[in-house]
PDB file of all heavy atoms in Angstrom:
ATOM      1  N   ALA A   1      43.323 -43.183 -30.111  1.00  0.00           N
ATOM      2  CA  ALA A   1      44.798 -43.178 -30.126  1.00  0.00           C
ATOM      3  C   ALA A   1      45.301 -41.899 -29.491  1.00  0.00           C
ATOM      4  O   ALA A   1      46.293 -41.906 -28.745  1.00  0.00           O
ATOM      5  CB  ALA A   1      45.301 -43.275 -31.566  1.00  0.00           C
ATOM      6  N   ILE A   2      44.648 -40.789 -29.754  1.00  0.00           N
ATOM      7  CA  ILE A   2      45.102 -39.500 -29.187  1.00  0.00           C
ATOM      8  C   ILE A   2      44.721 -39.409 -27.737  1.00  0.00           C
ATOM      9  O   ILE A   2      45.521 -38.959 -26.901  1.00  0.00           O
ATOM     10  CB  ILE A   2      44.486 -38.330 -29.986  1.00  0.00           C
ATOM     11  CG1 ILE A   2      45.067 -38.317 -31.393  1.00  0.00           C
ATOM     12  CG2 ILE A   2      44.763 -36.996 -29.315  1.00  0.00           C
ATOM     13  CD1 ILE A   2      44.472 -37.273 -32.300  1.00  0.00           C
ATOM     14  N   ALA A   3      43.507 -39.814 -27.387  1.00  0.00           N
ATOM     15  CA  ALA A   3      43.017 -39.601 -26.019  1.00  0.00           C
ATOM     16  C   ALA A   3      43.650 -40.574 -25.024  1.00  0.00           C
ATOM     17  O   ALA A   3      43.940 -40.168 -23.894  1.00  0.00           O
ATOM     18  CB  ALA A   3      41.475 -39.755 -25.985  1.00  0.00           C
ATOM     19  N   SER A   4      43.841 -41.831 -25.418  1.00  0.00           N
ATOM     20  CA  SER A   4      44.349 -42.768 -24.449  1.00  0.00           C
ATOM     21  C   SER A   4      45.654 -43.443 -24.854  1.00  0.00           C
ATOM     22  O   SER A   4      46.456 -43.861 -24.009  1.00  0.00           O
ATOM     23  CB  SER A   4      43.314 -43.890 -24.197  1.00  0.00           C
ATOM     24  OG  SER A   4      43.011 -44.526 -25.410  1.00  0.00           O
ATOM     25  N   GLY A   5      45.923 -43.510 -26.159  1.00  0.00           N
ATOM     26  CA  GLY A   5      47.148 -44.178 -26.613  1.00  0.00           C
ATOM     27  C   GLY A   5      48.392 -43.325 -26.426  1.00  0.00           C
ATOM     28  O   GLY A   5      49.514 -43.836 -26.489  1.00  0.00           O
ATOM     29  N   ARG A   6      48.248 -42.007 -26.180  1.00  0.00           N
ATOM     30  CA  ARG A   6      49.376 -41.126 -25.986  1.00  0.00           C
ATOM     31  C   ARG A   6      49.189 -40.394 -24.659  1.00  0.00           C
ATOM     32  O   ARG A   6      48.995 -39.211 -24.623  1.00  0.00           O
ATOM     33  CB  ARG A   6      49.513 -40.142 -27.114  1.00  0.00           C
ATOM     34  CG  ARG A   6      49.818 -40.752 -28.461  1.00  0.00           C
ATOM     35  CD  ARG A   6      49.927 -39.718 -29.547  1.00  0.00           C
ATOM     36  NE  ARG A   6      50.302 -40.284 -30.848  1.00  0.00           N
ATOM     37  CZ  ARG A   6      50.411 -39.567 -31.968  1.00  0.00           C
ATOM     38  NH1 ARG A   6      50.194 -38.266 -31.921  1.00  0.00           N
ATOM     39  NH2 ARG A   6      50.752 -40.132 -33.084  1.00  0.00           N
ATOM     40  N   ALA A   7      49.255 -41.155 -23.617  1.00  0.00           N
ATOM     41  CA  ALA A   7      48.988 -40.559 -22.290  1.00  0.00           C
ATOM     42  C   ALA A   7      50.021 -39.471 -21.962  1.00  0.00           C
ATOM     43  O   ALA A   7      49.674 -38.454 -21.331  1.00  0.00           O
ATOM     44  CB  ALA A   7      49.064 -41.668 -21.225  1.00  0.00           C
ATOM     45  N   ASP A   8      51.262 -39.644 -22.397  1.00  0.00           N
ATOM     46  CA  ASP A   8      52.285 -38.661 -22.116  1.00  0.00           C
ATOM     47  C   ASP A   8      51.969 -37.336 -22.816  1.00  0.00           C
ATOM     48  O   ASP A   8      52.111 -36.264 -22.235  1.00  0.00           O
ATOM     49  CB  ASP A   8      53.660 -39.148 -22.596  1.00  0.00           C
ATOM     50  CG  ASP A   8      54.159 -40.306 -21.740  1.00  0.00           C
ATOM     51  OD1 ASP A   8      53.637 -40.486 -20.608  1.00  0.00           O
ATOM     52  OD2 ASP A   8      55.073 -41.011 -22.181  1.00  0.00           O
ATOM     53  N   ASP A   9      51.484 -37.435 -24.064  1.00  0.00           N
ATOM     54  CA  ASP A   9      51.108 -36.204 -24.799  1.00  0.00           C
ATOM     55  C   ASP A   9      49.965 -35.495 -24.113  1.00  0.00           C
ATOM     56  O   ASP A   9      49.953 -34.265 -24.017  1.00  0.00           O
ATOM     57  CB  ASP A   9      50.700 -36.550 -26.243  1.00  0.00           C
ATOM     58  CG  ASP A   9      51.925 -36.753 -27.155  1.00  0.00           C
ATOM     59  OD1 ASP A   9      53.067 -36.484 -26.681  1.00  0.00           O
ATOM     60  OD2 ASP A   9      51.735 -37.158 -28.293  1.00  0.00           O
ATOM     61  N   VAL A  10      48.984 -36.255 -23.647  1.00  0.00           N
ATOM     62  CA  VAL A  10      47.823 -35.633 -22.984  1.00  0.00           C
ATOM     63  C   VAL A  10      48.274 -34.946 -21.704  1.00  0.00           C
ATOM     64  O   VAL A  10      47.876 -33.802 -21.450  1.00  0.00           O
ATOM     65  CB  VAL A  10      46.767 -36.694 -22.679  1.00  0.00           C
ATOM     66  CG1 VAL A  10      45.640 -36.101 -21.837  1.00  0.00           C
ATOM     67  CG2 VAL A  10      46.181 -37.276 -23.975  1.00  0.00           C
ATOM     68  N   ALA A  11      49.143 -35.569 -20.932  1.00  0.00           N
ATOM     69  CA  ALA A  11      49.603 -34.972 -19.679  1.00  0.00           C
ATOM     70  C   ALA A  11      50.431 -33.721 -19.958  1.00  0.00           C
ATOM     71  O   ALA A  11      50.248 -32.683 -19.284  1.00  0.00           O
ATOM     72  CB  ALA A  11      50.452 -36.005 -18.913  1.00  0.00           C
ATOM     73  N   GLU A  12      51.328 -33.768 -20.929  1.00  0.00           N
ATOM     74  CA  GLU A  12      52.120 -32.588 -21.241  1.00  0.00           C
ATOM     75  C   GLU A  12      51.267 -31.494 -21.857  1.00  0.00           C
ATOM     76  O   GLU A  12      51.459 -30.307 -21.600  1.00  0.00           O
ATOM     77  CB  GLU A  12      53.248 -33.001 -22.221  1.00  0.00           C
ATOM     78  CG  GLU A  12      54.306 -33.873 -21.613  1.00  0.00           C
ATOM     79  CD  GLU A  12      55.027 -33.213 -20.457  1.00  0.00           C
ATOM     80  OE1 GLU A  12      55.327 -31.991 -20.552  1.00  0.00           O
ATOM     81  OE2 GLU A  12      55.251 -33.898 -19.437  1.00  0.00           O
ATOM     82  N   GLY A  13      50.293 -31.909 -22.652  1.00  0.00           N
ATOM     83  CA  GLY A  13      49.369 -30.928 -23.231  1.00  0.00           C
ATOM     84  C   GLY A  13      48.557 -30.215 -22.202  1.00  0.00           C
ATOM     85  O   GLY A  13      48.272 -29.006 -22.342  1.00  0.00           O
ATOM     86  N   LYS A  14      48.173 -30.898 -21.153  1.00  0.00           N
ATOM     87  CA  LYS A  14      47.423 -30.277 -20.073  1.00  0.00           C
ATOM     88  C   LYS A  14      48.262 -29.198 -19.388  1.00  0.00           C
ATOM     89  O   LYS A  14      47.734 -28.090 -19.073  1.00  0.00           O
ATOM     90  CB  LYS A  14      46.965 -31.307 -19.049  1.00  0.00           C
ATOM     91  CG  LYS A  14      46.078 -30.741 -17.925  1.00  0.00           C
ATOM     92  CD  LYS A  14      45.572 -31.828 -17.016  1.00  0.00           C
ATOM     93  CE  LYS A  14      44.656 -31.227 -15.970  1.00  0.00           C
ATOM     94  NZ  LYS A  14      44.117 -32.292 -15.058  1.00  0.00           N
ATOM     95  N   LYS A  15      49.528 -29.472 -19.177  1.00  0.00           N
ATOM     96  CA  LYS A  15      50.422 -28.494 -18.571  1.00  0.00           C
ATOM     97  C   LYS A  15      50.545 -27.260 -19.447  1.00  0.00           C
ATOM     98  O   LYS A  15      50.452 -26.118 -18.980  1.00  0.00           O
ATOM     99  CB  LYS A  15      51.829 -29.083 -18.347  1.00  0.00           C
ATOM    100  CG  LYS A  15      51.864 -30.232 -17.330  1.00  0.00           C
ATOM    101  CD  LYS A  15      53.266 -30.790 -17.228  1.00  0.00           C
ATOM    102  CE  LYS A  15      53.347 -31.955 -16.302  1.00  0.00           C
ATOM    103  NZ  LYS A  15      54.722 -32.564 -16.227  1.00  0.00           N
ATOM    104  N   LEU A  16      50.716 -27.474 -20.751  1.00  0.00           N
ATOM    105  CA  LEU A  16      50.795 -26.353 -21.687  1.00  0.00           C
ATOM    106  C   LEU A  16      49.492 -25.542 -21.688  1.00  0.00           C
ATOM    107  O   LEU A  16      49.548 -24.301 -21.736  1.00  0.00           O
ATOM    108  CB  LEU A  16      51.082 -26.859 -23.106  1.00  0.00           C
ATOM    109  CG  LEU A  16      52.473 -27.402 -23.398  1.00  0.00           C
ATOM    110  CD1 LEU A  16      52.473 -28.147 -24.725  1.00  0.00           C
ATOM    111  CD2 LEU A  16      53.486 -26.264 -23.425  1.00  0.00           C
ATOM    112  N   PHE A  17      48.382 -26.210 -21.646  1.00  0.00           N
ATOM    113  CA  PHE A  17      47.090 -25.552 -21.631  1.00  0.00           C
ATOM    114  C   PHE A  17      46.937 -24.665 -20.411  1.00  0.00           C
ATOM    115  O   PHE A  17      46.521 -23.514 -20.501  1.00  0.00           O
ATOM    116  CB  PHE A  17      45.979 -26.595 -21.659  1.00  0.00           C
ATOM    117  CG  PHE A  17      44.603 -25.971 -21.690  1.00  0.00           C
ATOM    118  CD1 PHE A  17      44.017 -25.594 -22.904  1.00  0.00           C
ATOM    119  CD2 PHE A  17      43.899 -25.745 -20.519  1.00  0.00           C
ATOM    120  CE1 PHE A  17      42.757 -25.008 -22.916  1.00  0.00           C
ATOM    121  CE2 PHE A  17      42.665 -25.160 -20.525  1.00  0.00           C
ATOM    122  CZ  PHE A  17      42.084 -24.782 -21.739  1.00  0.00           C
ATOM    123  N   GLN A  18      47.297 -25.196 -19.250  1.00  0.00           N
ATOM    124  CA  GLN A  18      47.162 -24.450 -18.038  1.00  0.00           C
ATOM    125  C   GLN A  18      48.096 -23.234 -18.000  1.00  0.00           C
ATOM    126  O   GLN A  18      47.764 -22.172 -17.459  1.00  0.00           O
ATOM    127  CB  GLN A  18      47.449 -25.319 -16.819  1.00  0.00           C
ATOM    128  CG  GLN A  18      46.384 -26.408 -16.608  1.00  0.00           C
ATOM    129  CD  GLN A  18      46.723 -27.402 -15.525  1.00  0.00           C
ATOM    130  OE1 GLN A  18      47.876 -27.549 -15.144  1.00  0.00           O
ATOM    131  NE2 GLN A  18      45.739 -28.102 -15.025  1.00  0.00           N
ATOM    132  N   GLN A  19      49.256 -23.341 -18.653  1.00  0.00           N
ATOM    133  CA  GLN A  19      50.200 -22.237 -18.708  1.00  0.00           C
ATOM    134  C   GLN A  19      49.825 -21.145 -19.712  1.00  0.00           C
ATOM    135  O   GLN A  19      49.988 -19.954 -19.429  1.00  0.00           O
ATOM    136  CB  GLN A  19      51.589 -22.768 -19.071  1.00  0.00           C
ATOM    137  CG  GLN A  19      52.205 -23.674 -18.001  1.00  0.00           C
ATOM    138  CD  GLN A  19      53.473 -24.352 -18.508  1.00  0.00           C
ATOM    139  OE1 GLN A  19      53.903 -24.145 -19.642  1.00  0.00           O
ATOM    140  NE2 GLN A  19      54.056 -25.215 -17.690  1.00  0.00           N
ATOM    141  N   SER A  20      49.316 -21.543 -20.844  1.00  0.00           N
ATOM    142  CA  SER A  20      49.143 -20.594 -21.964  1.00  0.00           C
ATOM    143  C   SER A  20      47.701 -20.340 -22.419  1.00  0.00           C
ATOM    144  O   SER A  20      47.470 -19.414 -23.174  1.00  0.00           O
ATOM    145  CB  SER A  20      49.966 -21.056 -23.150  1.00  0.00           C
ATOM    146  OG  SER A  20      51.331 -21.223 -22.803  1.00  0.00           O
ATOM    147  N   CYS A  21      46.765 -21.168 -21.986  1.00  0.00           N
ATOM    148  CA  CYS A  21      45.403 -21.080 -22.544  1.00  0.00           C
ATOM    149  C   CYS A  21      44.311 -20.907 -21.500  1.00  0.00           C
ATOM    150  O   CYS A  21      43.224 -20.411 -21.804  1.00  0.00           O
ATOM    151  CB  CYS A  21      45.065 -22.343 -23.372  1.00  0.00           C
ATOM    152  SG  CYS A  21      46.366 -22.812 -24.541  1.00  0.00           S
ATOM    153  N   ALA A  22      44.592 -21.374 -20.261  1.00  0.00           N
ATOM    154  CA  ALA A  22      43.524 -21.412 -19.242  1.00  0.00           C
ATOM    155  C   ALA A  22      43.014 -20.022 -18.842  1.00  0.00           C
ATOM    156  O   ALA A  22      41.866 -19.880 -18.430  1.00  0.00           O
ATOM    157  CB  ALA A  22      44.037 -22.138 -17.991  1.00  0.00           C
ATOM    158  N   SER A  23      43.841 -18.981 -19.009  1.00  0.00           N
ATOM    159  CA  SER A  23      43.425 -17.645 -18.610  1.00  0.00           C
ATOM    160  C   SER A  23      42.228 -17.162 -19.438  1.00  0.00           C
ATOM    161  O   SER A  23      41.451 -16.310 -18.969  1.00  0.00           O
ATOM    162  CB  SER A  23      44.561 -16.643 -18.765  1.00  0.00           C
ATOM    163  OG  SER A  23      45.041 -16.614 -20.106  1.00  0.00           O
ATOM    164  N   CYS A  24      42.055 -17.689 -20.641  1.00  0.00           N
ATOM    165  CA  CYS A  24      40.929 -17.303 -21.487  1.00  0.00           C
ATOM    166  C   CYS A  24      39.871 -18.418 -21.601  1.00  0.00           C
ATOM    167  O   CYS A  24      38.679 -18.146 -21.717  1.00  0.00           O
ATOM    168  CB  CYS A  24      41.398 -16.935 -22.902  1.00  0.00           C
ATOM    169  SG  CYS A  24      42.316 -15.380 -22.966  1.00  0.00           S
ATOM    170  N   HIS A  25      40.346 -19.668 -21.594  1.00  0.00           N
ATOM    171  CA  HIS A  25      39.441 -20.790 -21.833  1.00  0.00           C
ATOM    172  C   HIS A  25      39.039 -21.536 -20.583  1.00  0.00           C
ATOM    173  O   HIS A  25      38.273 -22.505 -20.677  1.00  0.00           O
ATOM    174  CB  HIS A  25      40.066 -21.767 -22.872  1.00  0.00           C
ATOM    175  CG  HIS A  25      40.247 -21.179 -24.222  1.00  0.00           C
ATOM    176  ND1 HIS A  25      39.177 -20.969 -25.102  1.00  0.00           N
ATOM    177  CD2 HIS A  25      41.350 -20.714 -24.859  1.00  0.00           C
ATOM    178  CE1 HIS A  25      39.653 -20.413 -26.217  1.00  0.00           C
ATOM    179  NE2 HIS A  25      40.970 -20.267 -26.114  1.00  0.00           N
ATOM    180  N   GLY A  26      39.531 -21.139 -19.426  1.00  0.00           N
ATOM    181  CA  GLY A  26      39.195 -21.774 -18.190  1.00  0.00           C
ATOM    182  C   GLY A  26      40.099 -22.941 -17.879  1.00  0.00           C
ATOM    183  O   GLY A  26      40.702 -23.539 -18.770  1.00  0.00           O
ATOM    184  N   LEU A  27      40.244 -23.282 -16.593  1.00  0.00           N
ATOM    185  CA  LEU A  27      41.152 -24.320 -16.163  1.00  0.00           C
ATOM    186  C   LEU A  27      40.823 -25.693 -16.739  1.00  0.00           C
ATOM    187  O   LEU A  27      41.675 -26.505 -16.971  1.00  0.00           O
ATOM    188  CB  LEU A  27      41.177 -24.394 -14.614  1.00  0.00           C
ATOM    189  CG  LEU A  27      41.894 -23.249 -13.913  1.00  0.00           C
ATOM    190  CD1 LEU A  27      41.731 -23.370 -12.401  1.00  0.00           C
ATOM    191  CD2 LEU A  27      43.385 -23.237 -14.302  1.00  0.00           C
ATOM    192  N   ASN A  28      39.501 -25.923 -16.999  1.00  0.00           N
ATOM    193  CA  ASN A  28      39.080 -27.173 -17.537  1.00  0.00           C
ATOM    194  C   ASN A  28      38.582 -27.042 -18.992  1.00  0.00           C
ATOM    195  O   ASN A  28      37.807 -27.860 -19.454  1.00  0.00           O
ATOM    196  CB  ASN A  28      37.998 -27.780 -16.653  1.00  0.00           C
ATOM    197  CG  ASN A  28      38.473 -28.090 -15.254  1.00  0.00           C
ATOM    198  OD1 ASN A  28      39.486 -28.743 -15.082  1.00  0.00           O
ATOM    199  ND2 ASN A  28      37.781 -27.570 -14.243  1.00  0.00           N
ATOM    200  N   ALA A  29      38.994 -25.957 -19.638  1.00  0.00           N
ATOM    201  CA  ALA A  29      38.584 -25.691 -21.022  1.00  0.00           C
ATOM    202  C   ALA A  29      37.102 -25.493 -21.178  1.00  0.00           C
ATOM    203  O   ALA A  29      36.548 -25.699 -22.250  1.00  0.00           O
ATOM    204  CB  ALA A  29      39.095 -26.785 -21.966  1.00  0.00           C
ATOM    205  N   GLU A  30      36.449 -25.100 -20.060  1.00  0.00           N
ATOM    206  CA  GLU A  30      34.990 -24.913 -20.094  1.00  0.00           C
ATOM    207  C   GLU A  30      34.616 -23.538 -20.672  1.00  0.00           C
ATOM    208  O   GLU A  30      33.429 -23.277 -20.935  1.00  0.00           O
ATOM    209  CB  GLU A  30      34.414 -25.040 -18.694  1.00  0.00           C
ATOM    210  CG  GLU A  30      34.707 -23.903 -17.734  1.00  0.00           C
ATOM    211  CD  GLU A  30      36.082 -23.974 -17.071  1.00  0.00           C
ATOM    212  OE1 GLU A  30      36.930 -24.730 -17.545  1.00  0.00           O
ATOM    213  OE2 GLU A  30      36.292 -23.266 -16.075  1.00  0.00           O
ATOM    214  N   GLY A  31      35.607 -22.695 -20.904  1.00  0.00           N
ATOM    215  CA  GLY A  31      35.356 -21.375 -21.474  1.00  0.00           C
ATOM    216  C   GLY A  31      35.122 -20.329 -20.398  1.00  0.00           C
ATOM    217  O   GLY A  31      34.688 -20.643 -19.302  1.00  0.00           O
ATOM    218  N   ILE A  32      35.384 -19.069 -20.719  1.00  0.00           N
ATOM    219  CA  ILE A  32      35.148 -17.949 -19.839  1.00  0.00           C
ATOM    220  C   ILE A  32      34.371 -16.909 -20.639  1.00  0.00           C
ATOM    221  O   ILE A  32      34.855 -16.452 -21.696  1.00  0.00           O
ATOM    222  CB  ILE A  32      36.460 -17.347 -19.277  1.00  0.00           C
ATOM    223  CG1 ILE A  32      37.208 -18.395 -18.486  1.00  0.00           C
ATOM    224  CG2 ILE A  32      36.166 -16.113 -18.453  1.00  0.00           C
ATOM    225  CD1 ILE A  32      38.562 -17.902 -17.961  1.00  0.00           C
ATOM    226  N   GLN A  33      33.219 -16.542 -20.172  1.00  0.00           N
ATOM    227  CA  GLN A  33      32.353 -15.596 -20.912  1.00  0.00           C
ATOM    228  C   GLN A  33      33.095 -14.279 -21.158  1.00  0.00           C
ATOM    229  O   GLN A  33      33.665 -13.679 -20.269  1.00  0.00           O
ATOM    230  CB  GLN A  33      31.075 -15.350 -20.143  1.00  0.00           C
ATOM    231  CG  GLN A  33      30.051 -14.540 -20.933  1.00  0.00           C
ATOM    232  CD  GLN A  33      28.715 -14.445 -20.183  1.00  0.00           C
ATOM    233  OE1 GLN A  33      28.579 -14.926 -19.093  1.00  0.00           O
ATOM    234  NE2 GLN A  33      27.730 -13.808 -20.848  1.00  0.00           N
ATOM    235  N   GLY A  34      33.062 -13.831 -22.414  1.00  0.00           N
ATOM    236  CA  GLY A  34      33.674 -12.583 -22.783  1.00  0.00           C
ATOM    237  C   GLY A  34      35.177 -12.691 -23.029  1.00  0.00           C
ATOM    238  O   GLY A  34      35.823 -11.709 -23.463  1.00  0.00           O
ATOM    239  N   ARG A  35      35.763 -13.875 -22.854  1.00  0.00           N
ATOM    240  CA  ARG A  35      37.187 -14.034 -23.052  1.00  0.00           C
ATOM    241  C   ARG A  35      37.518 -15.180 -23.999  1.00  0.00           C
ATOM    242  O   ARG A  35      38.350 -14.993 -24.909  1.00  0.00           O
ATOM    243  CB  ARG A  35      37.905 -14.259 -21.703  1.00  0.00           C
ATOM    244  CG  ARG A  35      37.686 -13.122 -20.731  1.00  0.00           C
ATOM    245  CD  ARG A  35      38.439 -13.327 -19.435  1.00  0.00           C
ATOM    246  NE  ARG A  35      39.882 -13.175 -19.615  1.00  0.00           N
ATOM    247  CZ  ARG A  35      40.749 -13.255 -18.618  1.00  0.00           C
ATOM    248  NH1 ARG A  35      40.336 -13.472 -17.360  1.00  0.00           N
ATOM    249  NH2 ARG A  35      42.028 -13.137 -18.853  1.00  0.00           N
ATOM    250  N   GLY A  36      36.941 -16.334 -23.831  1.00  0.00           N
ATOM    251  CA  GLY A  36      37.203 -17.428 -24.702  1.00  0.00           C
ATOM    252  C   GLY A  36      36.156 -18.507 -24.620  1.00  0.00           C
ATOM    253  O   GLY A  36      35.594 -18.751 -23.540  1.00  0.00           O
ATOM    254  N   PRO A  37      35.834 -19.190 -25.734  1.00  0.00           N
ATOM    255  CA  PRO A  37      34.793 -20.223 -25.738  1.00  0.00           C
ATOM    256  C   PRO A  37      35.283 -21.544 -25.129  1.00  0.00           C
ATOM    257  O   PRO A  37      36.478 -21.750 -24.936  1.00  0.00           O
ATOM    258  CB  PRO A  37      34.494 -20.385 -27.247  1.00  0.00           C
ATOM    259  CG  PRO A  37      35.827 -20.092 -27.889  1.00  0.00           C
ATOM    260  CD  PRO A  37      36.421 -19.012 -27.064  1.00  0.00           C
ATOM    261  N   THR A  38      34.372 -22.434 -24.851  1.00  0.00           N
ATOM    262  CA  THR A  38      34.742 -23.773 -24.408  1.00  0.00           C
ATOM    263  C   THR A  38      35.469 -24.510 -25.532  1.00  0.00           C
ATOM    264  O   THR A  38      35.192 -24.302 -26.717  1.00  0.00           O
ATOM    265  CB  THR A  38      33.499 -24.574 -23.987  1.00  0.00           C
ATOM    266  OG1 THR A  38      33.897 -25.903 -23.608  1.00  0.00           O
ATOM    267  CG2 THR A  38      32.478 -24.652 -25.101  1.00  0.00           C
ATOM    268  N   LEU A  39      36.398 -25.336 -25.139  1.00  0.00           N
ATOM    269  CA  LEU A  39      37.142 -26.139 -26.147  1.00  0.00           C
ATOM    270  C   LEU A  39      36.750 -27.616 -26.078  1.00  0.00           C
ATOM    271  O   LEU A  39      37.357 -28.443 -26.772  1.00  0.00           O
ATOM    272  CB  LEU A  39      38.658 -25.987 -25.883  1.00  0.00           C
ATOM    273  CG  LEU A  39      39.225 -24.575 -26.024  1.00  0.00           C
ATOM    274  CD1 LEU A  39      40.734 -24.574 -25.834  1.00  0.00           C
ATOM    275  CD2 LEU A  39      38.853 -23.957 -27.373  1.00  0.00           C
TER     276      LEU A  39
END
């Protein structure tokens, strides 16, 4: 339901992630050593 049933939420969430979280967790949430773990 979360992954596919709310496509709009996923798309908006990706934008928020890239704006506020990617600097530590990586553009694809793969994590950055010494800054943030993979999500």
